[in-house]
Amino acid sequence: MPTVKLKDNEPFDVALRRFKRSCEKAGVLADVRSREF
């Protein structure tokens, strides 16, 4: 599972965008969709 640590003075929106991008790179959503019934 990808993790993202907030940097000093980093807005939450930016961290969320980084988290979404790291999930995409790791293939998390594709994996969930493939296991969906």
Protein backbone atom coordinates (compact mmCIF):
# COMPACT_ATOMS: atom_id res chain seq x y z
CA MET A 1 0.00 0.00 0.00
CA PRO A 2 1.48 3.36 -1.01
CA THR A 3 2.10 5.89 1.74
CA VAL A 4 2.65 9.63 1.57
CA LYS A 5 4.09 11.77 4.34
CA LEU A 6 3.13 15.41 4.57
CA LYS A 7 6.04 17.77 4.05
CA ASP A 8 6.43 20.99 6.01
CA ASN A 9 3.87 23.60 4.93
CA GLU A 10 2.42 21.26 2.29
CA PRO A 11 -1.31 21.65 1.62
CA PHE A 12 -3.45 18.55 2.05
CA ASP A 13 -4.64 18.79 -1.58
CA VAL A 14 -1.09 18.43 -2.87
CA ALA A 15 -0.40 15.43 -0.63
CA LEU A 16 -3.66 13.81 -1.73
CA ARG A 17 -2.69 14.31 -5.37
CA ARG A 18 0.70 12.69 -4.69
CA PHE A 19 -1.03 9.77 -2.96
CA LYS A 20 -3.40 9.23 -5.89
CA ARG A 21 -0.49 9.30 -8.31
CA SER A 22 1.47 6.78 -6.26
CA CYS A 23 -1.58 4.49 -6.12
CA GLU A 24 -1.87 4.67 -9.89
CA LYS A 25 1.79 3.79 -10.33
CA ALA A 26 1.47 0.87 -7.92
CA GLY A 27 -1.61 -0.41 -9.77
CA VAL A 28 -3.82 -0.47 -6.68
CA LEU A 29 -7.07 0.49 -8.41
CA ALA A 30 -6.49 -1.90 -11.30
CA ASP A 31 -5.87 -4.70 -8.81
CA VAL A 32 -9.07 -3.90 -6.90
CA ARG A 33 -11.10 -3.81 -10.11
CA SER A 34 -9.70 -7.16 -11.24
CA ARG A 35 -10.73 -8.77 -7.93
CA GLU A 36 -14.21 -7.23 -8.00
CA PHE A 37 -17.10 -9.67 -8.34
